[in-house]
């Protein structure tokens, strides 16, 4: 940005602030929201390896149940390595964590919902506790421009095809 443009923007922002107008940053997409969270660095790396970053920047809306770094660290090392070698398996596992639509924690109804991957997952809510399969939502309702992110404590594995 050139100095003249920077001065104009700074002056405009100052004038709006004096007039009582707040400048709010543009909302972040799911991909940008998860990338800004240090506890989701493994997920972000795997999303990039799978080529799903643009999808999570897309229109949506999506609900992403995002495994934390601790969840990935709790996985058997061999399983994580297998995901790194098999991009189709990686895409399948990651898309198993995504549900179409924007589902806030307080809107969760007990029952099955279909994931973007195509399989069903069990969602459950008891008071303020929300689970997906056997994973607990540890940080609900991280809002994004194209959906919502819920941080979970386990990595979900889709059922094996028969």
Protein backbone atom coordinates (compact mmCIF):
# COMPACT_ATOMS: atom_id res chain seq x y z
CA UNK A 1 0.00 0.00 0.00
CA UNK A 2 1.43 3.36 -0.95
CA UNK A 3 1.78 6.16 1.65
CA UNK A 4 -1.03 8.26 0.15
CA UNK A 5 -3.52 5.39 0.29
CA UNK A 6 -2.45 4.56 3.85
CA UNK A 7 -2.98 8.21 4.90
CA UNK A 8 -6.42 8.34 3.28
CA UNK A 9 -7.50 5.10 4.96
CA UNK A 10 -6.15 6.19 8.35
CA UNK A 11 -7.84 9.58 8.09
CA UNK A 12 -11.14 8.01 7.01
CA UNK A 13 -11.02 5.52 9.89
CA UNK A 14 -10.31 8.33 12.36
CA UNK A 15 -13.20 10.42 11.01
CA UNK A 16 -15.60 7.48 11.21
CA UNK A 17 -14.46 6.72 14.76
CA UNK A 18 -15.10 10.34 15.79
CA UNK A 19 -18.55 10.11 14.21
CA UNK A 20 -19.29 7.03 16.34
CA UNK A 21 -18.99 4.54 13.51
CA UNK A 22 -17.02 1.41 14.19
CA UNK A 23 -15.04 -0.30 11.48
CA UNK A 24 -15.35 -4.02 11.87
CA UNK A 25 -13.08 -6.39 10.02
CA UNK A 26 -14.61 -8.61 7.37
CA UNK A 27 -15.76 -11.93 8.82
CA UNK A 28 -13.33 -14.80 8.34
CA UNK A 29 -14.13 -18.01 6.52
CA UNK A 30 -13.90 -21.38 8.24
CA UNK A 31 -10.45 -21.92 6.72
CA UNK A 32 -9.23 -18.53 7.93
CA UNK A 33 -10.81 -19.01 11.36
CA UNK A 34 -9.15 -22.38 11.94
CA UNK A 35 -5.83 -21.10 10.55
CA UNK A 36 -5.85 -18.35 13.18
CA UNK A 37 -6.19 -20.89 16.01
CA UNK A 38 -2.87 -22.28 17.31
CA UNK A 39 -4.64 -25.33 18.77
CA UNK A 40 -5.76 -26.38 15.26
CA UNK A 41 -2.37 -26.35 13.51
CA UNK A 42 -2.41 -30.08 12.71
CA UNK A 43 -5.89 -29.83 11.22
CA UNK A 44 -4.81 -26.85 9.12
CA UNK A 45 -1.76 -28.70 7.82
CA UNK A 46 -3.87 -31.73 6.88
CA UNK A 47 -6.55 -29.58 5.22
CA UNK A 48 -3.80 -28.01 3.08
CA UNK A 49 -2.29 -31.43 2.25
CA UNK A 50 -5.73 -32.71 1.22
CA UNK A 51 -6.36 -29.64 -0.96
CA UNK A 52 -9.52 -28.72 0.97
CA UNK A 53 -8.58 -25.15 1.92
CA UNK A 54 -10.52 -23.56 -0.92
CA UNK A 55 -13.59 -25.65 -0.08
CA UNK A 56 -13.53 -24.29 3.48
CA UNK A 57 -13.22 -20.77 2.08
CA UNK A 58 -16.24 -21.40 -0.17
CA UNK A 59 -19.86 -20.44 0.21
CA UNK A 60 -21.06 -23.10 2.62
CA UNK A 61 -22.59 -22.91 5.07
CA UNK A 62 -20.76 -25.71 6.85
CA UNK A 63 -20.44 -26.93 10.40
CA UNK A 64 -16.92 -28.19 11.06
CA UNK A 65 -16.15 -30.38 14.05
CA UNK A 66 -12.44 -29.53 14.24
CA UNK A 67 -10.14 -31.94 16.12
CA UNK A 68 -7.61 -30.11 18.27
CA UNK A 69 -3.89 -30.76 18.10
CA UNK A 70 -4.27 -32.79 21.32
CA UNK A 71 -6.84 -34.98 19.53
CA UNK A 72 -4.42 -35.66 16.67
CA UNK A 73 -1.59 -36.30 19.15
CA UNK A 74 -3.74 -38.94 20.87
CA UNK A 75 -4.11 -40.90 17.61
CA UNK A 76 -1.87 -43.86 16.95
CA UNK A 77 1.17 -42.59 15.06
CA UNK A 78 0.70 -45.22 12.35
CA UNK A 79 -2.83 -43.97 11.65
CA UNK A 80 -1.65 -40.37 11.30
CA UNK A 81 1.17 -41.49 9.00
CA UNK A 82 -1.31 -43.48 6.89
CA UNK A 83 -3.43 -40.35 6.46
CA UNK A 84 -0.34 -38.49 5.27
CA UNK A 85 0.36 -41.14 2.62
CA UNK A 86 -3.21 -41.63 1.34
CA UNK A 87 -4.79 -38.36 0.17
CA UNK A 88 -8.16 -39.96 -0.59
CA UNK A 89 -8.34 -41.45 2.91
CA UNK A 90 -7.30 -38.07 4.33
CA UNK A 91 -10.06 -36.28 2.39
CA UNK A 92 -12.56 -38.89 3.57
CA UNK A 93 -11.57 -38.50 7.22
CA UNK A 94 -11.57 -34.69 7.09
CA UNK A 95 -14.92 -34.47 5.27
CA UNK A 96 -16.36 -36.86 7.90
CA UNK A 97 -15.91 -33.93 10.33
CA UNK A 98 -18.07 -31.57 8.22
CA UNK A 99 -21.85 -31.29 8.22
CA UNK A 100 -23.76 -29.20 5.65
CA UNK A 101 -25.47 -26.14 7.12
CA UNK A 102 -24.68 -23.99 10.12
CA UNK A 103 -25.51 -25.86 13.33
CA UNK A 104 -24.88 -23.88 16.49
CA UNK A 105 -24.32 -25.90 19.67
CA UNK A 106 -27.62 -24.84 21.22
CA UNK A 107 -29.44 -26.03 18.05
CA UNK A 108 -28.06 -29.59 18.16
CA UNK A 109 -30.81 -32.20 18.27
CA UNK A 110 -30.08 -35.74 19.38
CA UNK A 111 -29.87 -38.00 16.35
CA UNK A 112 -27.93 -38.76 13.21
CA UNK A 113 -26.88 -36.25 10.57
CA UNK A 114 -25.16 -36.90 7.27
CA UNK A 115 -21.63 -35.60 6.82
CA UNK A 116 -20.16 -34.14 3.64
CA UNK A 117 -18.26 -37.45 3.37
CA UNK A 118 -21.62 -39.25 3.03
CA UNK A 119 -21.78 -41.25 6.27
CA UNK A 120 -24.00 -40.46 9.24
CA UNK A 121 -22.69 -39.29 12.60
CA UNK A 122 -24.52 -39.19 15.92
CA UNK A 123 -24.95 -35.74 17.44
CA UNK A 124 -26.10 -35.33 21.01
CA UNK A 125 -26.68 -32.48 23.42
CA UNK A 126 -27.30 -32.61 27.16
CA UNK A 127 -27.49 -29.15 28.65
CA UNK A 128 -24.39 -27.32 27.45
CA UNK A 129 -22.52 -30.53 26.56
CA UNK A 130 -22.42 -31.45 22.88
CA UNK A 131 -20.94 -34.62 21.42
CA UNK A 132 -20.41 -35.97 17.95
CA UNK A 133 -19.99 -39.73 18.04
CA UNK A 134 -17.66 -40.21 21.06
CA UNK A 135 -15.96 -36.79 20.77
CA UNK A 136 -16.79 -33.92 23.11
CA UNK A 137 -17.12 -30.37 21.83
CA UNK A 138 -14.59 -28.45 23.92
CA UNK A 139 -15.04 -25.06 22.24
CA UNK A 140 -18.44 -24.50 20.61
CA UNK A 141 -19.74 -21.85 18.24
CA UNK A 142 -16.63 -20.32 16.69
CA UNK A 143 -18.47 -18.24 14.13
CA UNK A 144 -17.26 -17.88 10.54
CA UNK A 145 -18.65 -16.13 7.48
CA UNK A 146 -19.51 -19.45 5.83
CA UNK A 147 -20.54 -21.49 8.86
CA UNK A 148 -19.38 -22.44 12.32
CA UNK A 149 -16.52 -24.38 13.91
CA UNK A 150 -16.78 -26.56 17.01
CA UNK A 151 -13.44 -27.75 18.42
CA UNK A 152 -13.55 -31.41 19.50
CA UNK A 153 -11.30 -33.64 21.62
CA UNK A 154 -11.04 -36.67 19.30
CA UNK A 155 -10.43 -37.41 15.65
CA UNK A 156 -13.43 -39.18 14.10
CA UNK A 157 -12.78 -42.08 11.76
CA UNK A 158 -15.46 -42.96 9.20
CA UNK A 159 -16.71 -46.54 9.18
CA UNK A 160 -14.74 -48.88 6.94
CA UNK A 161 -16.43 -49.70 3.65
CA UNK A 162 -17.51 -53.32 3.33
